[in-house]
Amino acid sequence: MSYTRTDLAAIIGKKTLHIGDTKVLAKEVAAYLMENNHVSDLESLMRDVLAYRQSHGVLEAEVTSAHELDDQTINEVKQLLKQHYPDAKKVVVHTSIDPEVVGGLRVTLANEQLDMSVRSKLDMFRRLTTEGNI
């Protein structure tokens, strides 16, 4: 039986709502895709699975910064996400470090990204000044 990516994401999302670690989830999905020769679909399928999980109360965010975040900052990000997504029953924040961020944070959700990094602001300033909009 063949499923659309959306159908498959819903099936996987439903069966994995109990998994809190997206790395474990990604490994499970990758194993399935490898078994069925669809490895190239991993990124888009994971986005769909995370969107399904979000619509069912599990909000997962990847927060990237230039330096390791302390617990207080992570908790503040969780609180802001809970305020912005009041239907979320559970908010899971995964952190990663990327020196390219320079400062600030980049928050990535299933279908959106909020880039509050210094790098993003510098890039925007550079684009505006080179295009003559300032």
N, C-alpha and C. Protein backbone atom coordinates (compact mmCIF):
# COMPACT_ATOMS: atom_id res chain seq x y z
N MET A 1 0.84 -1.17 0.00
CA MET A 1 0.00 0.00 0.00
C MET A 1 0.89 1.24 0.00
N SER A 2 0.56 2.21 -0.83
CA SER A 2 1.33 3.43 -0.94
C SER A 2 0.59 4.58 -0.24
N TYR A 3 1.34 5.38 0.52
CA TYR A 3 0.77 6.50 1.25
C TYR A 3 1.35 7.80 0.71
N THR A 4 0.57 8.88 0.80
CA THR A 4 1.12 10.20 0.49
C THR A 4 2.02 10.59 1.65
N ARG A 5 2.89 11.56 1.42
CA ARG A 5 3.79 12.01 2.49
C ARG A 5 3.01 12.55 3.67
N THR A 6 1.90 13.25 3.40
CA THR A 6 1.06 13.79 4.47
C THR A 6 0.42 12.67 5.29
N ASP A 7 -0.08 11.65 4.60
CA ASP A 7 -0.67 10.51 5.30
C ASP A 7 0.38 9.80 6.15
N LEU A 8 1.55 9.61 5.57
CA LEU A 8 2.63 8.94 6.28
C LEU A 8 3.07 9.75 7.50
N ALA A 9 3.14 11.07 7.34
CA ALA A 9 3.51 11.94 8.46
C ALA A 9 2.49 11.83 9.58
N ALA A 10 1.21 11.77 9.23
CA ALA A 10 0.16 11.64 10.25
C ALA A 10 0.27 10.30 10.97
N ILE A 11 0.54 9.24 10.24
CA ILE A 11 0.69 7.92 10.87
C ILE A 11 1.89 7.91 11.81
N ILE A 12 3.01 8.41 11.32
CA ILE A 12 4.22 8.45 12.14
C ILE A 12 4.02 9.37 13.34
N GLY A 13 3.43 10.54 13.08
CA GLY A 13 3.19 11.51 14.17
C GLY A 13 2.34 10.92 15.26
N LYS A 14 1.28 10.22 14.89
CA LYS A 14 0.37 9.62 15.87
C LYS A 14 1.08 8.55 16.69
N LYS A 15 1.89 7.73 16.03
CA LYS A 15 2.57 6.64 16.72
C LYS A 15 3.75 7.11 17.56
N THR A 16 4.18 8.36 17.36
CA THR A 16 5.38 8.83 18.05
C THR A 16 5.13 10.01 18.97
N LEU A 17 3.89 10.32 19.28
CA LEU A 17 3.61 11.45 20.16
C LEU A 17 4.28 11.29 21.52
N HIS A 18 4.57 10.07 21.93
CA HIS A 18 5.20 9.82 23.22
C HIS A 18 6.71 10.06 23.20
N ILE A 19 7.32 10.18 22.02
CA ILE A 19 8.76 10.39 21.92
C ILE A 19 9.06 11.87 22.10
N GLY A 20 9.90 12.19 23.07
CA GLY A 20 10.22 13.59 23.35
C GLY A 20 11.48 14.07 22.68
N ASP A 21 12.32 13.17 22.23
CA ASP A 21 13.59 13.54 21.63
C ASP A 21 13.48 13.43 20.12
N THR A 22 13.59 14.56 19.42
CA THR A 22 13.43 14.54 17.97
C THR A 22 14.56 13.79 17.28
N LYS A 23 15.71 13.66 17.94
CA LYS A 23 16.80 12.88 17.33
C LYS A 23 16.43 11.40 17.29
N VAL A 24 15.80 10.92 18.35
CA VAL A 24 15.31 9.54 18.36
C VAL A 24 14.23 9.38 17.30
N LEU A 25 13.34 10.36 17.22
CA LEU A 25 12.28 10.33 16.23
C LEU A 25 12.86 10.31 14.82
N ALA A 26 13.85 11.16 14.55
CA ALA A 26 14.47 11.21 13.23
C ALA A 26 15.12 9.89 12.87
N LYS A 27 15.74 9.23 13.84
CA LYS A 27 16.37 7.93 13.58
C LYS A 27 15.31 6.89 13.21
N GLU A 28 14.18 6.92 13.89
CA GLU A 28 13.10 5.98 13.59
C GLU A 28 12.55 6.22 12.18
N VAL A 29 12.34 7.49 11.85
CA VAL A 29 11.81 7.83 10.53
C VAL A 29 12.85 7.49 9.45
N ALA A 30 14.12 7.79 9.71
CA ALA A 30 15.18 7.48 8.74
C ALA A 30 15.27 5.98 8.50
N ALA A 31 15.15 5.19 9.56
CA ALA A 31 15.20 3.74 9.41
C ALA A 31 14.06 3.26 8.51
N TYR A 32 12.88 3.80 8.72
CA TYR A 32 11.73 3.44 7.88
C TYR A 32 12.00 3.82 6.42
N LEU A 33 12.49 5.04 6.20
CA LEU A 33 12.73 5.50 4.84
C LEU A 33 13.83 4.70 4.15
N MET A 34 14.86 4.33 4.90
CA MET A 34 15.92 3.50 4.33
C MET A 34 15.37 2.14 3.91
N GLU A 35 14.54 1.59 4.75
CA GLU A 35 13.96 0.28 4.46
C GLU A 35 13.10 0.32 3.20
N ASN A 36 12.49 1.47 2.94
CA ASN A 36 11.60 1.61 1.80
C ASN A 36 12.21 2.43 0.65
N ASN A 37 13.52 2.65 0.69
CA ASN A 37 14.26 3.36 -0.36
C ASN A 37 13.72 4.76 -0.65
N HIS A 38 13.45 5.52 0.41
CA HIS A 38 12.96 6.88 0.26
C HIS A 38 13.77 7.85 1.14
N VAL A 39 15.06 7.65 1.25
CA VAL A 39 15.90 8.45 2.15
C VAL A 39 15.85 9.93 1.80
N SER A 40 15.71 10.27 0.54
CA SER A 40 15.70 11.68 0.14
C SER A 40 14.49 12.44 0.69
N ASP A 41 13.49 11.73 1.18
CA ASP A 41 12.29 12.37 1.72
C ASP A 41 12.39 12.70 3.21
N LEU A 42 13.53 12.42 3.84
CA LEU A 42 13.64 12.56 5.29
C LEU A 42 13.33 13.98 5.77
N GLU A 43 13.95 14.97 5.19
CA GLU A 43 13.78 16.34 5.69
C GLU A 43 12.33 16.80 5.58
N SER A 44 11.72 16.60 4.43
CA SER A 44 10.33 17.05 4.26
C SER A 44 9.37 16.23 5.11
N LEU A 45 9.63 14.94 5.24
CA LEU A 45 8.76 14.10 6.07
C LEU A 45 8.90 14.48 7.55
N MET A 46 10.11 14.76 8.00
CA MET A 46 10.30 15.18 9.40
C MET A 46 9.56 16.49 9.67
N ARG A 47 9.61 17.43 8.72
CA ARG A 47 8.87 18.68 8.88
C ARG A 47 7.38 18.40 9.04
N ASP A 48 6.86 17.49 8.21
CA ASP A 48 5.44 17.14 8.29
C ASP A 48 5.09 16.44 9.60
N VAL A 49 5.98 15.55 10.06
CA VAL A 49 5.75 14.86 11.33
C VAL A 49 5.75 15.86 12.48
N LEU A 50 6.72 16.78 12.47
CA LEU A 50 6.78 17.79 13.54
C LEU A 50 5.55 18.70 13.49
N ALA A 51 5.06 19.02 12.30
CA ALA A 51 3.84 19.83 12.18
C ALA A 51 2.64 19.07 12.73
N TYR A 52 2.56 17.77 12.44
CA TYR A 52 1.48 16.94 12.98
C TYR A 52 1.54 16.94 14.50
N ARG A 53 2.74 16.70 15.04
CA ARG A 53 2.90 16.66 16.49
C ARG A 53 2.52 18.01 17.10
N GLN A 54 2.90 19.10 16.44
CA GLN A 54 2.56 20.43 16.94
C GLN A 54 1.05 20.62 16.96
N SER A 55 0.37 20.16 15.93
CA SER A 55 -1.09 20.31 15.89
C SER A 55 -1.78 19.44 16.93
N HIS A 56 -1.04 18.50 17.52
CA HIS A 56 -1.58 17.63 18.56
C HIS A 56 -0.96 17.93 19.93
N GLY A 57 -0.45 19.16 20.09
CA GLY A 57 -0.03 19.63 21.40
C GLY A 57 1.43 19.47 21.76
N VAL A 58 2.25 18.91 20.88
CA VAL A 58 3.68 18.75 21.18
C VAL A 58 4.46 19.72 20.30
N LEU A 59 4.88 20.84 20.88
CA LEU A 59 5.61 21.87 20.15
C LEU A 59 7.10 21.65 20.35
N GLU A 60 7.82 21.47 19.25
CA GLU A 60 9.26 21.23 19.34
C GLU A 60 9.99 22.35 18.62
N ALA A 61 11.00 22.89 19.28
CA ALA A 61 11.76 24.00 18.72
C ALA A 61 13.25 23.70 18.81
N GLU A 62 13.96 24.05 17.75
CA GLU A 62 15.42 23.99 17.75
C GLU A 62 15.90 25.41 17.94
N VAL A 63 16.62 25.65 19.03
CA VAL A 63 17.11 26.99 19.35
C VAL A 63 18.62 26.98 19.14
N THR A 64 19.07 27.82 18.22
CA THR A 64 20.48 27.87 17.86
C THR A 64 21.06 29.20 18.33
N SER A 65 22.22 29.12 18.95
CA SER A 65 22.90 30.32 19.41
C SER A 65 24.40 30.14 19.19
N ALA A 66 25.14 31.22 19.37
CA ALA A 66 26.59 31.17 19.19
C ALA A 66 27.27 30.47 20.36
N HIS A 67 26.61 30.47 21.51
CA HIS A 67 27.19 29.90 22.72
C HIS A 67 26.16 29.02 23.42
N GLU A 68 26.63 28.19 24.32
CA GLU A 68 25.72 27.33 25.07
C GLU A 68 24.76 28.18 25.89
N LEU A 69 23.49 27.79 25.90
CA LEU A 69 22.47 28.53 26.63
C LEU A 69 22.32 27.97 28.04
N ASP A 70 22.13 28.89 29.01
CA ASP A 70 21.92 28.42 30.38
C ASP A 70 20.45 28.03 30.56
N ASP A 71 20.16 27.36 31.67
CA ASP A 71 18.80 26.88 31.93
C ASP A 71 17.79 28.01 31.99
N GLN A 72 18.17 29.14 32.53
CA GLN A 72 17.24 30.28 32.64
C GLN A 72 16.82 30.76 31.25
N THR A 73 17.76 30.86 30.33
CA THR A 73 17.45 31.32 28.98
C THR A 73 16.55 30.30 28.27
N ILE A 74 16.85 29.03 28.43
CA ILE A 74 16.02 27.98 27.82
C ILE A 74 14.60 28.05 28.36
N ASN A 75 14.47 28.24 29.67
CA ASN A 75 13.14 28.35 30.29
C ASN A 75 12.39 29.59 29.79
N GLU A 76 13.12 30.70 29.57
CA GLU A 76 12.49 31.90 29.04
C GLU A 76 11.97 31.66 27.62
N VAL A 77 12.76 30.94 26.81
CA VAL A 77 12.32 30.61 25.45
C VAL A 77 11.07 29.73 25.51
N LYS A 78 11.07 28.75 26.41
CA LYS A 78 9.90 27.87 26.56
C LYS A 78 8.66 28.68 26.94
N GLN A 79 8.81 29.61 27.88
CA GLN A 79 7.68 30.44 28.30
C GLN A 79 7.16 31.30 27.16
N LEU A 80 8.06 31.87 26.37
CA LEU A 80 7.64 32.68 25.23
C LEU A 80 6.90 31.83 24.20
N LEU A 81 7.39 30.62 23.98
CA LEU A 81 6.72 29.72 23.04
C LEU A 81 5.34 29.31 23.56
N LYS A 82 5.23 29.07 24.87
CA LYS A 82 3.93 28.72 25.46
C LYS A 82 2.95 29.87 25.32
N GLN A 83 3.44 31.10 25.45
CA GLN A 83 2.57 32.26 25.29
C GLN A 83 2.10 32.39 23.84
N HIS A 84 3.01 32.13 22.92
CA HIS A 84 2.69 32.29 21.49
C HIS A 84 1.86 31.12 20.96
N TYR A 85 2.01 29.95 21.58
CA TYR A 85 1.26 28.75 21.19
C TYR A 85 0.53 28.20 22.41
N PRO A 86 -0.57 28.85 22.81
CA PRO A 86 -1.26 28.45 24.04
C PRO A 86 -1.87 27.05 24.00
N ASP A 87 -2.07 26.49 22.81
CA ASP A 87 -2.63 25.15 22.70
C ASP A 87 -1.60 24.05 22.93
N ALA A 88 -0.32 24.43 23.01
CA ALA A 88 0.74 23.44 23.20
C ALA A 88 0.65 22.86 24.62
N LYS A 89 0.51 21.54 24.69
CA LYS A 89 0.47 20.86 25.98
C LYS A 89 1.89 20.60 26.49
N LYS A 90 2.80 20.48 25.55
CA LYS A 90 4.20 20.18 25.89
C LYS A 90 5.09 20.99 24.95
N VAL A 91 6.09 21.66 25.51
CA VAL A 91 7.06 22.41 24.72
C VAL A 91 8.43 21.79 24.94
N VAL A 92 9.03 21.36 23.85
CA VAL A 92 10.35 20.73 23.90
C VAL A 92 11.32 21.65 23.17
N VAL A 93 12.41 22.01 23.85
CA VAL A 93 13.42 22.89 23.24
C VAL A 93 14.73 22.12 23.15
N HIS A 94 15.23 22.03 21.93
CA HIS A 94 16.54 21.44 21.69
C HIS A 94 17.48 22.58 21.35
N THR A 95 18.68 22.52 21.84
CA THR A 95 19.63 23.60 21.59
C THR A 95 20.78 23.11 20.72
N SER A 96 21.31 24.02 19.95
CA SER A 96 22.52 23.74 19.18
C SER A 96 23.36 25.00 19.14
N ILE A 97 24.63 24.80 18.88
CA ILE A 97 25.58 25.92 18.84
C ILE A 97 26.08 26.09 17.41
N ASP A 98 26.04 27.33 16.94
CA ASP A 98 26.54 27.67 15.62
C ASP A 98 27.23 29.02 15.72
N PRO A 99 28.57 29.06 15.65
CA PRO A 99 29.30 30.33 15.77
C PRO A 99 28.90 31.36 14.72
N GLU A 100 28.32 30.93 13.60
CA GLU A 100 27.87 31.85 12.56
C GLU A 100 26.73 32.75 13.04
N VAL A 101 26.03 32.32 14.07
CA VAL A 101 24.91 33.11 14.60
C VAL A 101 25.42 34.42 15.18
N VAL A 102 26.65 34.47 15.65
CA VAL A 102 27.34 35.61 16.25
C VAL A 102 26.76 35.94 17.61
N GLY A 103 25.50 36.26 17.72
CA GLY A 103 24.83 36.56 18.98
C GLY A 103 23.34 36.46 18.77
N GLY A 104 22.58 36.42 19.83
CA GLY A 104 21.14 36.28 19.71
C GLY A 104 20.75 34.83 19.50
N LEU A 105 19.53 34.62 19.00
CA LEU A 105 19.00 33.27 18.84
C LEU A 105 18.33 33.10 17.49
N ARG A 106 18.30 31.86 17.05
CA ARG A 106 17.50 31.46 15.89
C ARG A 106 16.61 30.33 16.37
N VAL A 107 15.29 30.50 16.28
CA VAL A 107 14.33 29.51 16.75
C VAL A 107 13.65 28.90 15.53
N THR A 108 13.77 27.58 15.39
CA THR A 108 13.20 26.89 14.25
C THR A 108 12.11 25.93 14.73
N LEU A 109 10.92 26.09 14.17
CA LEU A 109 9.79 25.21 14.45
C LEU A 109 9.50 24.39 13.19
N ALA A 110 8.47 23.59 13.23
CA ALA A 110 8.16 22.72 12.09
C ALA A 110 8.00 23.50 10.79
N ASN A 111 7.26 24.59 10.82
CA ASN A 111 6.96 25.32 9.59
C ASN A 111 7.32 26.79 9.62
N GLU A 112 8.15 27.18 10.56
CA GLU A 112 8.55 28.58 10.62
C GLU A 112 9.86 28.74 11.34
N GLN A 113 10.49 29.89 11.09
CA GLN A 113 11.76 30.18 11.74
C GLN A 113 11.76 31.65 12.14
N LEU A 114 12.22 31.90 13.36
CA LEU A 114 12.38 33.25 13.86
C LEU A 114 13.87 33.47 14.05
N ASP A 115 14.43 34.36 13.27
CA ASP A 115 15.87 34.60 13.33
C ASP A 115 16.13 35.93 14.00
N MET A 116 16.51 35.87 15.27
CA MET A 116 16.82 37.06 16.06
C MET A 116 18.33 37.16 16.29
N SER A 117 19.09 36.61 15.37
CA SER A 117 20.54 36.59 15.54
C SER A 117 21.16 37.89 15.05
N VAL A 118 22.32 38.19 15.59
CA VAL A 118 23.07 39.36 15.15
C VAL A 118 23.46 39.19 13.68
N ARG A 119 23.82 37.96 13.29
CA ARG A 119 24.19 37.69 11.90
C ARG A 119 23.04 38.08 10.96
N SER A 120 21.82 37.73 11.31
CA SER A 120 20.66 38.05 10.49
C SER A 120 20.49 39.57 10.36
N LYS A 121 20.65 40.26 11.47
CA LYS A 121 20.50 41.72 11.44
C LYS A 121 21.61 42.38 10.63
N LEU A 122 22.84 41.87 10.74
CA LEU A 122 23.95 42.40 9.95
C LEU A 122 23.73 42.15 8.46
N ASP A 123 23.24 40.96 8.12
CA ASP A 123 22.96 40.64 6.72
C ASP A 123 21.88 41.56 6.16
N MET A 124 20.84 41.82 6.95
CA MET A 124 19.77 42.71 6.49
C MET A 124 20.30 44.13 6.31
N PHE A 125 21.11 44.58 7.24
CA PHE A 125 21.70 45.92 7.14
C PHE A 125 22.55 46.03 5.87
N ARG A 126 23.37 44.99 5.61
CA ARG A 126 24.22 44.97 4.42
C ARG A 126 23.37 45.03 3.15
N ARG A 127 22.29 44.24 3.10
CA ARG A 127 21.42 44.24 1.92
C ARG A 127 20.78 45.62 1.72
N LEU A 128 20.31 46.21 2.79
CA LEU A 128 19.66 47.52 2.69
C LEU A 128 20.64 48.59 2.24
N THR A 129 21.85 48.58 2.75
CA THR A 129 22.81 49.61 2.39
C THR A 129 23.36 49.42 0.98
N THR A 130 23.51 48.19 0.53
CA THR A 130 24.03 47.97 -0.83
C THR A 130 22.95 48.20 -1.89
N GLU A 131 21.69 48.06 -1.52
CA GLU A 131 20.60 48.30 -2.46
C GLU A 131 20.17 49.77 -2.46
N GLY A 132 20.76 50.57 -1.56
CA GLY A 132 20.45 51.99 -1.54
C GLY A 132 19.12 52.34 -0.90
N ASN A 133 18.62 51.45 -0.04
CA ASN A 133 17.32 51.71 0.60
C ASN A 133 17.45 52.49 1.90
N ILE A 134 18.66 52.81 2.29
CA ILE A 134 18.83 53.59 3.54
C ILE A 134 19.29 54.98 3.20
